[in-house]
Amino acid sequence: MNDVTARILSRMITVGDFVSGEALCRECGITRSAVWKHISLLRSEGYSLDAVTGRGYRLSGLTGRPVEAEVLSFLAARRFGRKIAYHPVTASTNILAKTLAVEGVAEGCIVVADSQTGGRGRMGRTWVSPSGVNLYFSLILRPGVPSIRVPQLTLLVAVALHRALSDLSLDLAPMIKWPNDILANGKKLCGVLCEMQSEPDLTHFVVVGIGINVNQSEFPPPLHESATSLFLETGQLFSRAELLASVLNHFEPLYDAWLVEEDLGFILSFLQAHSLLQSKEVTIDQLKRSISGTVRGISRLGELMLDGAEGEIILVSSGEAHLRTSSSII
């Protein structure tokens, strides 16, 4: 979508009623025939538009795509999401966001894609990213904090995701799986990947990559036992634009509070109340070792607290968590 088309779309969303062709000509500095071409382009992209002689044009239906004009219509956040770089397809929104961050783009800028060819999760895993159904975006942050605090952001995002998802449907019961996943009925619904550029005592920027399975109706064989979507859990289709705005609306006040509070103490009770791992036996796989124990909770610094076999308390700051049953690891 070019800039003039996006401007016309934004104008009609804001007005919520008929906008005359003459007004669009004047505001965009284009001819009536050019206005008609942009209206035709919007229709070709899936927007429902009414045209009435003497009254002009009225938007009667959005597409739900996470483009800036649609997201802004649901956005209450003051800084986050006010600038959105939308791409129909890209290798990775995190890669693009890191480039923008290096170039000095303001905190709160979003990079969002309709599909990704090289989406990534933690531990180098591929994040399957088909077009037209899910939400893939990266948020640029510039927290003036020591780099040791940055891993806490993953859990902060998890709380925002949980609240946004819970707002969508009463039938959904999302759970937070430390350190970076949201699950529904034991299957992965969302993932978070944070990457940063920093020095020991200063964080230059953080890119928070988020993938949410929204309207996907099926998953390929390697994933159909472990992944799910909002559609599969509820039987409903959702606006990706509205969901993106909701995540940002929930995250911005959490982030501002975290900068003041300096740790996760203010959301600790929420994290533990909605933790998939709370009081469960787990094994944490790290790069060179595995750690087992029973989950006692989450620390103010975002560490997973385990009761070890000898009664000791073990603090785990990173790793891949697996639930243990009597005979296996899940």
C-alpha atoms as a PDB file:
ATOM      1  CA  MET A   1       0.000   0.000   0.000  1.00  0.00           C
ATOM      2  CA  ASN A   2       1.507   3.351  -1.006  1.00  0.00           C
ATOM      3  CA  ASP A   3       1.522   6.441   1.211  1.00  0.00           C
ATOM      4  CA  VAL A   4      -1.439   8.184  -0.447  1.00  0.00           C
ATOM      5  CA  THR A   5      -3.623   5.061  -0.287  1.00  0.00           C
ATOM      6  CA  ALA A   6      -2.722   4.600   3.374  1.00  0.00           C
ATOM      7  CA  ARG A   7      -3.553   8.255   4.031  1.00  0.00           C
ATOM      8  CA  ILE A   8      -6.997   7.888   2.437  1.00  0.00           C
ATOM      9  CA  LEU A   9      -7.629   4.720   4.443  1.00  0.00           C
ATOM     10  CA  SER A  10      -6.569   6.413   7.678  1.00  0.00           C
ATOM     11  CA  ARG A  11      -8.811   9.380   6.945  1.00  0.00           C
ATOM     12  CA  MET A  12     -11.878   7.209   6.381  1.00  0.00           C
ATOM     13  CA  ILE A  13     -11.193   5.137   9.509  1.00  0.00           C
ATOM     14  CA  THR A  14     -10.922   8.332  11.563  1.00  0.00           C
ATOM     15  CA  VAL A  15     -14.100   9.908  10.162  1.00  0.00           C
ATOM     16  CA  GLY A  16     -16.186   6.741  10.337  1.00  0.00           C
ATOM     17  CA  ASP A  17     -18.663   8.166   7.823  1.00  0.00           C
ATOM     18  CA  PHE A  18     -18.762   9.447   4.262  1.00  0.00           C
ATOM     19  CA  VAL A  19     -15.818  11.530   3.074  1.00  0.00           C
ATOM     20  CA  SER A  20     -16.343  13.506  -0.117  1.00  0.00           C
ATOM     21  CA  GLY A  21     -14.113  12.966  -3.109  1.00  0.00           C
ATOM     22  CA  GLU A  22     -13.488  16.704  -3.139  1.00  0.00           C
ATOM     23  CA  ALA A  23     -12.171  16.611   0.417  1.00  0.00           C
ATOM     24  CA  LEU A  24      -9.850  13.697  -0.408  1.00  0.00           C
ATOM     25  CA  CYS A  25      -8.593  15.573  -3.478  1.00  0.00           C
ATOM     26  CA  ARG A  26      -7.841  18.642  -1.387  1.00  0.00           C
ATOM     27  CA  GLU A  27      -6.221  16.800   1.527  1.00  0.00           C
ATOM     28  CA  CYS A  28      -4.044  14.528  -0.642  1.00  0.00           C
ATOM     29  CA  GLY A  29      -3.314  16.987  -3.450  1.00  0.00           C
ATOM     30  CA  ILE A  30      -4.584  14.645  -6.161  1.00  0.00           C
ATOM     31  CA  THR A  31      -7.312  14.574  -8.833  1.00  0.00           C
ATOM     32  CA  ARG A  32     -10.721  12.911  -8.594  1.00  0.00           C
ATOM     33  CA  SER A  33      -9.607  10.200 -11.014  1.00  0.00           C
ATOM     34  CA  ALA A  34      -6.578   9.549  -8.801  1.00  0.00           C
ATOM     35  CA  VAL A  35      -8.865   9.277  -5.750  1.00  0.00           C
ATOM     36  CA  TRP A  36     -10.915   6.659  -7.584  1.00  0.00           C
ATOM     37  CA  LYS A  37      -7.746   4.678  -8.384  1.00  0.00           C
ATOM     38  CA  HIS A  38      -6.802   4.629  -4.688  1.00  0.00           C
ATOM     39  CA  ILE A  39     -10.346   3.582  -3.728  1.00  0.00           C
ATOM     40  CA  SER A  40     -10.115   0.759  -6.274  1.00  0.00           C
ATOM     41  CA  LEU A  41      -6.755  -0.287  -4.817  1.00  0.00           C
ATOM     42  CA  LEU A  42      -8.239  -0.442  -1.309  1.00  0.00           C
ATOM     43  CA  ARG A  43     -11.086  -2.604  -2.587  1.00  0.00           C
ATOM     44  CA  SER A  44      -8.606  -4.918  -4.300  1.00  0.00           C
ATOM     45  CA  GLU A  45      -6.872  -5.356  -0.939  1.00  0.00           C
ATOM     46  CA  GLY A  46     -10.102  -6.476   0.720  1.00  0.00           C
ATOM     47  CA  TYR A  47     -11.583  -3.283   2.145  1.00  0.00           C
ATOM     48  CA  SER A  48     -15.349  -2.777   1.868  1.00  0.00           C
ATOM     49  CA  LEU A  49     -16.106   0.727   0.595  1.00  0.00           C
ATOM     50  CA  ASP A  50     -19.431   2.372  -0.186  1.00  0.00           C
ATOM     51  CA  ALA A  51     -19.598   5.041  -2.890  1.00  0.00           C
ATOM     52  CA  VAL A  52     -22.649   7.347  -3.025  1.00  0.00           C
ATOM     53  CA  THR A  53     -23.035  10.190  -5.509  1.00  0.00           C
ATOM     54  CA  GLY A  54     -23.079  13.523  -3.706  1.00  0.00           C
ATOM     55  CA  ARG A  55     -21.768  12.034  -0.439  1.00  0.00           C
ATOM     56  CA  GLY A  56     -18.455  10.442  -1.361  1.00  0.00           C
ATOM     57  CA  TYR A  57     -16.886   7.301   0.065  1.00  0.00           C
ATOM     58  CA  ARG A  58     -17.392   5.421   3.311  1.00  0.00           C
ATOM     59  CA  LEU A  59     -15.369   2.546   4.764  1.00  0.00           C
ATOM     60  CA  SER A  60     -17.760  -0.242   5.766  1.00  0.00           C
ATOM     61  CA  GLY A  61     -15.354  -3.074   6.524  1.00  0.00           C
ATOM     62  CA  LEU A  62     -11.723  -3.555   7.593  1.00  0.00           C
ATOM     63  CA  THR A  63      -9.496  -6.473   6.613  1.00  0.00           C
ATOM     64  CA  GLY A  64      -8.012  -7.167  10.051  1.00  0.00           C
ATOM     65  CA  ARG A  65      -4.498  -7.002   8.602  1.00  0.00           C
ATOM     66  CA  PRO A  66      -1.922  -5.466  10.970  1.00  0.00           C
ATOM     67  CA  VAL A  67      -1.276  -2.374   8.830  1.00  0.00           C
ATOM     68  CA  GLU A  68      -0.699   0.961  10.552  1.00  0.00           C
ATOM     69  CA  ALA A  69      -4.061   2.567   9.725  1.00  0.00           C
ATOM     70  CA  GLU A  70      -6.033  -0.389  11.097  1.00  0.00           C
ATOM     71  CA  VAL A  71      -3.881  -0.845  14.206  1.00  0.00           C
ATOM     72  CA  LEU A  72      -4.136   2.855  15.074  1.00  0.00           C
ATOM     73  CA  SER A  73      -7.920   2.631  15.149  1.00  0.00           C
ATOM     74  CA  PHE A  74      -7.645   0.316  18.186  1.00  0.00           C
ATOM     75  CA  LEU A  75      -4.498   1.761  19.786  1.00  0.00           C
ATOM     76  CA  ALA A  76      -4.550   3.468  23.173  1.00  0.00           C
ATOM     77  CA  ALA A  77      -0.791   3.286  23.870  1.00  0.00           C
ATOM     78  CA  ARG A  78       0.858   6.703  23.698  1.00  0.00           C
ATOM     79  CA  ARG A  79       4.254   5.700  22.274  1.00  0.00           C
ATOM     80  CA  PHE A  80       4.245   2.055  21.238  1.00  0.00           C
ATOM     81  CA  GLY A  81       2.820   1.328  17.800  1.00  0.00           C
ATOM     82  CA  ARG A  82       2.479   4.939  16.696  1.00  0.00           C
ATOM     83  CA  LYS A  83       4.949   4.133  13.906  1.00  0.00           C
ATOM     84  CA  ILE A  84       4.501   0.789  12.137  1.00  0.00           C
ATOM     85  CA  ALA A  85       6.606  -0.556   9.281  1.00  0.00           C
ATOM     86  CA  TYR A  86       4.438  -3.178   7.566  1.00  0.00           C
ATOM     87  CA  HIS A  87       5.847  -5.720   5.100  1.00  0.00           C
ATOM     88  CA  PRO A  88       3.772  -8.242   3.122  1.00  0.00           C
ATOM     89  CA  VAL A  89       6.704 -10.660   3.376  1.00  0.00           C
ATOM     90  CA  THR A  90      10.167 -10.532   4.915  1.00  0.00           C
ATOM     91  CA  ALA A  91      12.810 -12.931   6.146  1.00  0.00           C
ATOM     92  CA  SER A  92      12.476 -11.860   9.797  1.00  0.00           C
ATOM     93  CA  THR A  93      10.883  -8.879  11.527  1.00  0.00           C
ATOM     94  CA  ASN A  94      13.645  -9.027  14.158  1.00  0.00           C
ATOM     95  CA  ILE A  95      16.333  -8.590  11.505  1.00  0.00           C
ATOM     96  CA  LEU A  96      14.570  -5.553  10.042  1.00  0.00           C
ATOM     97  CA  ALA A  97      13.913  -4.100  13.488  1.00  0.00           C
ATOM     98  CA  LYS A  98      17.571  -4.429  14.488  1.00  0.00           C
ATOM     99  CA  THR A  99      18.581  -2.527  11.362  1.00  0.00           C
ATOM    100  CA  LEU A 100      16.132   0.269  12.189  1.00  0.00           C
ATOM    101  CA  ALA A 101      17.315   0.338  15.805  1.00  0.00           C
ATOM    102  CA  VAL A 102      20.937   0.763  14.716  1.00  0.00           C
ATOM    103  CA  GLU A 103      19.812   3.619  12.465  1.00  0.00           C
ATOM    104  CA  GLY A 104      18.299   5.364  15.490  1.00  0.00           C
ATOM    105  CA  VAL A 105      14.551   4.865  15.095  1.00  0.00           C
ATOM    106  CA  ALA A 106      12.551   5.899  18.151  1.00  0.00           C
ATOM    107  CA  GLU A 107      11.510   3.527  20.918  1.00  0.00           C
ATOM    108  CA  GLY A 108       8.102   2.027  20.292  1.00  0.00           C
ATOM    109  CA  CYS A 109       8.471   1.556  16.539  1.00  0.00           C
ATOM    110  CA  ILE A 110       6.975  -1.723  15.284  1.00  0.00           C
ATOM    111  CA  VAL A 111       8.012  -3.918  12.382  1.00  0.00           C
ATOM    112  CA  VAL A 112       5.224  -6.276  11.340  1.00  0.00           C
ATOM    113  CA  ALA A 113       4.979  -8.794   8.505  1.00  0.00           C
ATOM    114  CA  ASP A 114       2.138 -10.728   6.940  1.00  0.00           C
ATOM    115  CA  SER A 115       4.542 -13.648   6.493  1.00  0.00           C
ATOM    116  CA  GLN A 116       8.181 -14.517   7.199  1.00  0.00           C
ATOM    117  CA  THR A 117      10.527 -16.748   5.256  1.00  0.00           C
ATOM    118  CA  GLY A 118      13.081 -17.023   8.055  1.00  0.00           C
ATOM    119  CA  GLY A 119      11.173 -16.585  11.299  1.00  0.00           C
ATOM    120  CA  ARG A 120      13.076 -17.773  14.361  1.00  0.00           C
ATOM    121  CA  GLY A 121      12.278 -18.827  17.887  1.00  0.00           C
ATOM    122  CA  ARG A 122      14.601 -19.525  20.803  1.00  0.00           C
ATOM    123  CA  MET A 123      17.434 -22.037  20.504  1.00  0.00           C
ATOM    124  CA  GLY A 124      17.637 -21.307  16.750  1.00  0.00           C
ATOM    125  CA  ARG A 125      14.324 -22.999  16.003  1.00  0.00           C
ATOM    126  CA  THR A 126      12.272 -22.069  12.942  1.00  0.00           C
ATOM    127  CA  TRP A 127       8.977 -20.249  13.550  1.00  0.00           C
ATOM    128  CA  VAL A 128       6.555 -21.350  10.826  1.00  0.00           C
ATOM    129  CA  SER A 129       5.118 -18.122   9.403  1.00  0.00           C
ATOM    130  CA  PRO A 130       2.413 -18.572   6.732  1.00  0.00           C
ATOM    131  CA  SER A 131       0.730 -15.510   5.227  1.00  0.00           C
ATOM    132  CA  GLY A 132      -2.685 -14.069   5.967  1.00  0.00           C
ATOM    133  CA  VAL A 133      -3.420 -15.816   9.248  1.00  0.00           C
ATOM    134  CA  ASN A 134      -0.998 -15.030  12.081  1.00  0.00           C
ATOM    135  CA  LEU A 135       0.737 -12.116  13.744  1.00  0.00           C
ATOM    136  CA  TYR A 136       4.505 -11.629  13.485  1.00  0.00           C
ATOM    137  CA  PHE A 137       5.973  -8.394  14.809  1.00  0.00           C
ATOM    138  CA  SER A 138       9.000  -6.876  16.518  1.00  0.00           C
ATOM    139  CA  LEU A 139       8.984  -3.992  18.985  1.00  0.00           C
ATOM    140  CA  ILE A 140      12.005  -1.712  19.394  1.00  0.00           C
ATOM    141  CA  LEU A 141      12.800  -0.697  22.983  1.00  0.00           C
ATOM    142  CA  ARG A 142      15.510   1.559  24.398  1.00  0.00           C
ATOM    143  CA  PRO A 143      15.455   0.906  28.144  1.00  0.00           C
ATOM    144  CA  GLY A 144      18.247   2.777  29.907  1.00  0.00           C
ATOM    145  CA  VAL A 145      19.028  -0.172  32.167  1.00  0.00           C
ATOM    146  CA  PRO A 146      22.006  -2.516  32.694  1.00  0.00           C
ATOM    147  CA  SER A 147      21.968  -5.460  30.298  1.00  0.00           C
ATOM    148  CA  ILE A 148      21.552  -7.916  33.202  1.00  0.00           C
ATOM    149  CA  ARG A 149      17.941  -6.708  33.567  1.00  0.00           C
ATOM    150  CA  VAL A 150      16.941  -7.241  29.926  1.00  0.00           C
ATOM    151  CA  PRO A 151      15.940 -10.949  30.236  1.00  0.00           C
ATOM    152  CA  GLN A 152      13.121  -9.841  32.556  1.00  0.00           C
ATOM    153  CA  LEU A 153      11.440  -8.232  29.540  1.00  0.00           C
ATOM    154  CA  THR A 154      10.452 -11.643  28.173  1.00  0.00           C
ATOM    155  CA  LEU A 155       8.222 -12.307  31.179  1.00  0.00           C
ATOM    156  CA  LEU A 156       6.923  -8.741  31.102  1.00  0.00           C
ATOM    157  CA  VAL A 157       5.808  -9.336  27.504  1.00  0.00           C
ATOM    158  CA  ALA A 158       4.284 -12.662  28.538  1.00  0.00           C
ATOM    159  CA  VAL A 159       2.004 -10.854  30.999  1.00  0.00           C
ATOM    160  CA  ALA A 160       0.889  -8.393  28.293  1.00  0.00           C
ATOM    161  CA  LEU A 161       0.222 -11.273  25.904  1.00  0.00           C
ATOM    162  CA  HIS A 162      -1.732 -13.201  28.522  1.00  0.00           C
ATOM    163  CA  ARG A 163      -3.942 -10.189  29.271  1.00  0.00           C
ATOM    164  CA  ALA A 164      -4.520  -9.368  25.600  1.00  0.00           C
ATOM    165  CA  LEU A 165      -5.425 -12.976  24.790  1.00  0.00           C
ATOM    166  CA  SER A 166      -7.692 -13.261  27.816  1.00  0.00           C
ATOM    167  CA  ASP A 167      -9.555 -10.146  26.657  1.00  0.00           C
ATOM    168  CA  LEU A 168     -10.412 -11.897  23.374  1.00  0.00           C
ATOM    169  CA  SER A 169     -12.320 -14.885  24.695  1.00  0.00           C
ATOM    170  CA  LEU A 170     -13.648 -16.194  27.977  1.00  0.00           C
ATOM    171  CA  ASP A 171     -13.176 -19.716  26.618  1.00  0.00           C
ATOM    172  CA  LEU A 172      -9.416 -19.283  26.355  1.00  0.00           C
ATOM    173  CA  ALA A 173      -7.243 -20.263  29.313  1.00  0.00           C
ATOM    174  CA  PRO A 174      -3.678 -19.264  28.337  1.00  0.00           C
ATOM    175  CA  MET A 175      -0.767 -20.269  30.547  1.00  0.00           C
ATOM    176  CA  ILE A 176       2.719 -18.771  30.757  1.00  0.00           C
ATOM    177  CA  LYS A 177       5.528 -21.267  30.240  1.00  0.00           C
ATOM    178  CA  TRP A 178       8.797 -19.845  31.568  1.00  0.00           C
ATOM    179  CA  PRO A 179      10.691 -18.214  30.063  1.00  0.00           C
ATOM    180  CA  ASN A 180       9.059 -17.176  26.786  1.00  0.00           C
ATOM    181  CA  ASP A 181       5.967 -19.089  25.655  1.00  0.00           C
ATOM    182  CA  ILE A 182       2.197 -18.851  26.014  1.00  0.00           C
ATOM    183  CA  LEU A 183       0.344 -22.173  25.786  1.00  0.00           C
ATOM    184  CA  ALA A 184      -3.307 -23.154  25.516  1.00  0.00           C
ATOM    185  CA  ASN A 185      -4.378 -26.692  26.378  1.00  0.00           C
ATOM    186  CA  GLY A 186      -0.730 -27.681  26.519  1.00  0.00           C
ATOM    187  CA  LYS A 187       0.071 -26.443  23.008  1.00  0.00           C
ATOM    188  CA  LYS A 188       2.143 -23.440  21.964  1.00  0.00           C
ATOM    189  CA  LEU A 189       0.143 -20.359  21.046  1.00  0.00           C
ATOM    190  CA  CYS A 190       2.736 -17.553  21.276  1.00  0.00           C
ATOM    191  CA  GLY A 191       6.496 -17.205  21.439  1.00  0.00           C
ATOM    192  CA  VAL A 192       8.804 -14.333  22.383  1.00  0.00           C
ATOM    193  CA  LEU A 193      12.408 -13.751  21.285  1.00  0.00           C
ATOM    194  CA  CYS A 194      14.378 -10.820  22.754  1.00  0.00           C
ATOM    195  CA  GLU A 195      17.656  -9.668  21.194  1.00  0.00           C
ATOM    196  CA  MET A 196      19.737  -6.736  22.351  1.00  0.00           C
ATOM    197  CA  GLN A 197      22.739  -4.540  21.671  1.00  0.00           C
ATOM    198  CA  SER A 198      24.385  -3.463  24.895  1.00  0.00           C
ATOM    199  CA  GLU A 199      27.386  -2.843  27.101  1.00  0.00           C
ATOM    200  CA  PRO A 200      27.599  -4.308  30.629  1.00  0.00           C
ATOM    201  CA  ASP A 201      26.183  -1.176  32.276  1.00  0.00           C
ATOM    202  CA  LEU A 202      23.994   0.150  29.457  1.00  0.00           C
ATOM    203  CA  THR A 203      21.465  -1.283  27.024  1.00  0.00           C
ATOM    204  CA  HIS A 204      21.482   0.470  23.651  1.00  0.00           C
ATOM    205  CA  PHE A 205      18.344  -1.219  22.355  1.00  0.00           C
ATOM    206  CA  VAL A 206      16.243  -4.354  22.660  1.00  0.00           C
ATOM    207  CA  VAL A 207      14.227  -5.925  19.860  1.00  0.00           C
ATOM    208  CA  VAL A 208      11.288  -7.968  21.139  1.00  0.00           C
ATOM    209  CA  GLY A 209      10.075 -10.407  18.496  1.00  0.00           C
ATOM    210  CA  ILE A 210       6.605 -11.880  19.014  1.00  0.00           C
ATOM    211  CA  GLY A 211       4.766 -14.557  17.081  1.00  0.00           C
ATOM    212  CA  ILE A 212       1.095 -15.325  17.764  1.00  0.00           C
ATOM    213  CA  ASN A 213      -0.822 -18.090  16.026  1.00  0.00           C
ATOM    214  CA  VAL A 214      -4.116 -16.345  15.345  1.00  0.00           C
ATOM    215  CA  ASN A 215      -6.322 -17.713  12.554  1.00  0.00           C
ATOM    216  CA  GLN A 216      -4.281 -20.700  11.380  1.00  0.00           C
ATOM    217  CA  SER A 217      -6.578 -23.707  10.871  1.00  0.00           C
ATOM    218  CA  GLU A 218      -3.959 -26.460  10.670  1.00  0.00           C
ATOM    219  CA  PHE A 219      -0.261 -27.099  11.260  1.00  0.00           C
ATOM    220  CA  PRO A 220       2.181 -29.319   9.362  1.00  0.00           C
ATOM    221  CA  PRO A 221       2.820 -32.817  10.816  1.00  0.00           C
ATOM    222  CA  PRO A 222       5.907 -31.904  12.883  1.00  0.00           C
ATOM    223  CA  LEU A 223       3.875 -29.238  14.716  1.00  0.00           C
ATOM    224  CA  HIS A 224       0.258 -30.360  14.875  1.00  0.00           C
ATOM    225  CA  GLU A 225       0.790 -32.108  18.235  1.00  0.00           C
ATOM    226  CA  SER A 226       2.614 -29.164  19.839  1.00  0.00           C
ATOM    227  CA  ALA A 227       1.166 -25.966  18.294  1.00  0.00           C
ATOM    228  CA  THR A 228      -2.273 -24.373  18.315  1.00  0.00           C
ATOM    229  CA  SER A 229      -3.984 -21.124  17.328  1.00  0.00           C
ATOM    230  CA  LEU A 230      -6.704 -18.858  18.632  1.00  0.00           C
ATOM    231  CA  PHE A 231      -8.983 -20.164  15.890  1.00  0.00           C
ATOM    232  CA  LEU A 232      -8.385 -23.798  16.816  1.00  0.00           C
ATOM    233  CA  GLU A 233      -8.982 -23.060  20.505  1.00  0.00           C
ATOM    234  CA  THR A 234     -12.123 -20.945  20.140  1.00  0.00           C
ATOM    235  CA  GLY A 235     -13.578 -21.589  16.673  1.00  0.00           C
ATOM    236  CA  GLN A 236     -13.499 -17.830  16.031  1.00  0.00           C
ATOM    237  CA  LEU A 237     -11.555 -15.645  13.604  1.00  0.00           C
ATOM    238  CA  PHE A 238      -9.847 -12.564  15.043  1.00  0.00           C
ATOM    239  CA  SER A 239      -8.583  -9.218  13.757  1.00  0.00           C
ATOM    240  CA  ARG A 240      -4.811  -9.261  13.788  1.00  0.00           C
ATOM    241  CA  ALA A 241      -4.772  -5.452  13.856  1.00  0.00           C
ATOM    242  CA  GLU A 242      -6.948  -5.355  16.974  1.00  0.00           C
ATOM    243  CA  LEU A 243      -4.858  -8.035  18.685  1.00  0.00           C
ATOM    244  CA  LEU A 244      -1.596  -6.199  17.950  1.00  0.00           C
ATOM    245  CA  ALA A 245      -3.047  -2.993  19.377  1.00  0.00           C
ATOM    246  CA  SER A 246      -4.272  -4.828  22.477  1.00  0.00           C
ATOM    247  CA  VAL A 247      -0.832  -6.332  23.159  1.00  0.00           C
ATOM    248  CA  LEU A 248       0.757  -2.868  22.906  1.00  0.00           C
ATOM    249  CA  ASN A 249      -1.989  -1.287  25.039  1.00  0.00           C
ATOM    250  CA  HIS A 250      -1.264  -3.806  27.801  1.00  0.00           C
ATOM    251  CA  PHE A 251       2.521  -3.781  27.442  1.00  0.00           C
ATOM    252  CA  GLU A 252       3.248  -0.046  27.521  1.00  0.00           C
ATOM    253  CA  PRO A 253       2.078   0.570  31.135  1.00  0.00           C
ATOM    254  CA  LEU A 254       3.801  -2.630  32.285  1.00  0.00           C
ATOM    255  CA  TYR A 255       7.056  -1.485  30.681  1.00  0.00           C
ATOM    256  CA  ASP A 256       6.816   1.996  32.216  1.00  0.00           C
ATOM    257  CA  ALA A 257       6.198   0.478  35.649  1.00  0.00           C
ATOM    258  CA  TRP A 258       9.117  -1.951  35.216  1.00  0.00           C
ATOM    259  CA  LEU A 259      11.509   0.925  34.486  1.00  0.00           C
ATOM    260  CA  VAL A 260      10.526   2.483  37.816  1.00  0.00           C
ATOM    261  CA  GLU A 261      10.212  -0.687  39.899  1.00  0.00           C
ATOM    262  CA  GLU A 262      13.554  -2.133  38.686  1.00  0.00           C
ATOM    263  CA  ASP A 263      12.407  -5.776  38.848  1.00  0.00           C
ATOM    264  CA  LEU A 264       9.346  -7.991  38.358  1.00  0.00           C
ATOM    265  CA  GLY A 265       8.048  -7.805  41.908  1.00  0.00           C
ATOM    266  CA  PHE A 266       4.945  -5.848  40.892  1.00  0.00           C
ATOM    267  CA  ILE A 267       3.701  -8.641  38.583  1.00  0.00           C
ATOM    268  CA  LEU A 268       5.120 -11.642  40.441  1.00  0.00           C
ATOM    269  CA  SER A 269       1.767 -12.809  41.791  1.00  0.00           C
ATOM    270  CA  PHE A 270       0.250 -12.691  38.292  1.00  0.00           C
ATOM    271  CA  LEU A 271       3.153 -14.644  36.785  1.00  0.00           C
ATOM    272  CA  GLN A 272       2.906 -17.372  39.387  1.00  0.00           C
ATOM    273  CA  ALA A 273      -0.907 -17.557  39.252  1.00  0.00           C
ATOM    274  CA  HIS A 274      -0.767 -18.216  35.502  1.00  0.00           C
ATOM    275  CA  SER A 275       2.449 -20.258  35.372  1.00  0.00           C
ATOM    276  CA  LEU A 276       2.236 -23.592  33.575  1.00  0.00           C
ATOM    277  CA  LEU A 277       5.210 -24.850  35.587  1.00  0.00           C
ATOM    278  CA  GLN A 278       4.206 -23.796  39.097  1.00  0.00           C
ATOM    279  CA  SER A 279       4.700 -26.684  41.585  1.00  0.00           C
ATOM    280  CA  LYS A 280       5.539 -29.082  38.722  1.00  0.00           C
ATOM    281  CA  GLU A 281       8.584 -31.325  38.361  1.00  0.00           C
ATOM    282  CA  VAL A 282      10.722 -30.045  35.517  1.00  0.00           C
ATOM    283  CA  THR A 283      14.028 -30.500  33.747  1.00  0.00           C
ATOM    284  CA  ILE A 284      15.781 -27.400  32.430  1.00  0.00           C
ATOM    285  CA  ASP A 285      18.088 -28.037  29.489  1.00  0.00           C
ATOM    286  CA  GLN A 286      20.980 -25.613  29.218  1.00  0.00           C
ATOM    287  CA  LEU A 287      23.869 -25.490  26.782  1.00  0.00           C
ATOM    288  CA  LYS A 288      26.154 -27.847  28.728  1.00  0.00           C
ATOM    289  CA  ARG A 289      23.965 -29.337  31.466  1.00  0.00           C
ATOM    290  CA  SER A 290      20.452 -30.200  32.614  1.00  0.00           C
ATOM    291  CA  ILE A 291      18.890 -29.213  35.944  1.00  0.00           C
ATOM    292  CA  SER A 292      15.942 -30.962  37.568  1.00  0.00           C
ATOM    293  CA  GLY A 293      13.675 -30.009  40.427  1.00  0.00           C
ATOM    294  CA  THR A 294      10.207 -28.913  41.509  1.00  0.00           C
ATOM    295  CA  VAL A 295       9.196 -25.384  40.590  1.00  0.00           C
ATOM    296  CA  ARG A 296       8.834 -23.216  43.682  1.00  0.00           C
ATOM    297  CA  GLY A 297       8.095 -20.026  41.728  1.00  0.00           C
ATOM    298  CA  ILE A 298       9.658 -17.160  39.828  1.00  0.00           C
ATOM    299  CA  SER A 299      12.052 -14.715  41.456  1.00  0.00           C
ATOM    300  CA  ARG A 300      11.782 -10.932  41.275  1.00  0.00           C
ATOM    301  CA  LEU A 301      14.647 -11.046  38.765  1.00  0.00           C
ATOM    302  CA  GLY A 302      12.795 -13.481  36.498  1.00  0.00           C
ATOM    303  CA  GLU A 303      14.688 -16.615  37.484  1.00  0.00           C
ATOM    304  CA  LEU A 304      12.911 -19.927  37.832  1.00  0.00           C
ATOM    305  CA  MET A 305      13.226 -21.159  41.410  1.00  0.00           C
ATOM    306  CA  LEU A 306      13.504 -24.917  41.877  1.00  0.00           C
ATOM    307  CA  ASP A 307      13.514 -27.133  44.942  1.00  0.00           C
ATOM    308  CA  GLY A 308      16.375 -29.543  44.319  1.00  0.00           C
ATOM    309  CA  ALA A 309      16.582 -33.215  45.262  1.00  0.00           C
ATOM    310  CA  GLU A 310      18.585 -32.392  48.394  1.00  0.00           C
ATOM    311  CA  GLY A 311      16.190 -29.677  49.532  1.00  0.00           C
ATOM    312  CA  GLU A 312      18.311 -26.861  48.162  1.00  0.00           C
ATOM    313  CA  ILE A 313      16.851 -23.893  46.249  1.00  0.00           C
ATOM    314  CA  ILE A 314      18.200 -23.624  42.699  1.00  0.00           C
ATOM    315  CA  LEU A 315      17.917 -20.381  40.713  1.00  0.00           C
ATOM    316  CA  VAL A 316      17.819 -20.857  36.939  1.00  0.00           C
ATOM    317  CA  SER A 317      18.213 -17.789  34.718  1.00  0.00           C
ATOM    318  CA  SER A 318      17.966 -19.450  31.289  1.00  0.00           C
ATOM    319  CA  GLY A 319      17.233 -22.705  29.552  1.00  0.00           C
ATOM    320  CA  GLU A 320      14.536 -24.833  27.961  1.00  0.00           C
ATOM    321  CA  ALA A 321      11.978 -26.122  30.474  1.00  0.00           C
ATOM    322  CA  HIS A 322      10.351 -29.553  30.139  1.00  0.00           C
ATOM    323  CA  LEU A 323       7.623 -30.922  32.367  1.00  0.00           C
ATOM    324  CA  ARG A 324       8.427 -34.327  33.853  1.00  0.00           C
ATOM    325  CA  THR A 325       5.970 -37.163  34.361  1.00  0.00           C
ATOM    326  CA  SER A 326       6.674 -40.336  36.302  1.00  0.00           C
ATOM    327  CA  SER A 327       8.274 -41.929  33.283  1.00  0.00           C
ATOM    328  CA  SER A 328       8.981 -39.249  30.716  1.00  0.00           C
ATOM    329  CA  ILE A 329       9.752 -35.639  29.904  1.00  0.00           C
ATOM    330  CA  ILE A 330       7.182 -33.502  28.046  1.00  0.00           C
END
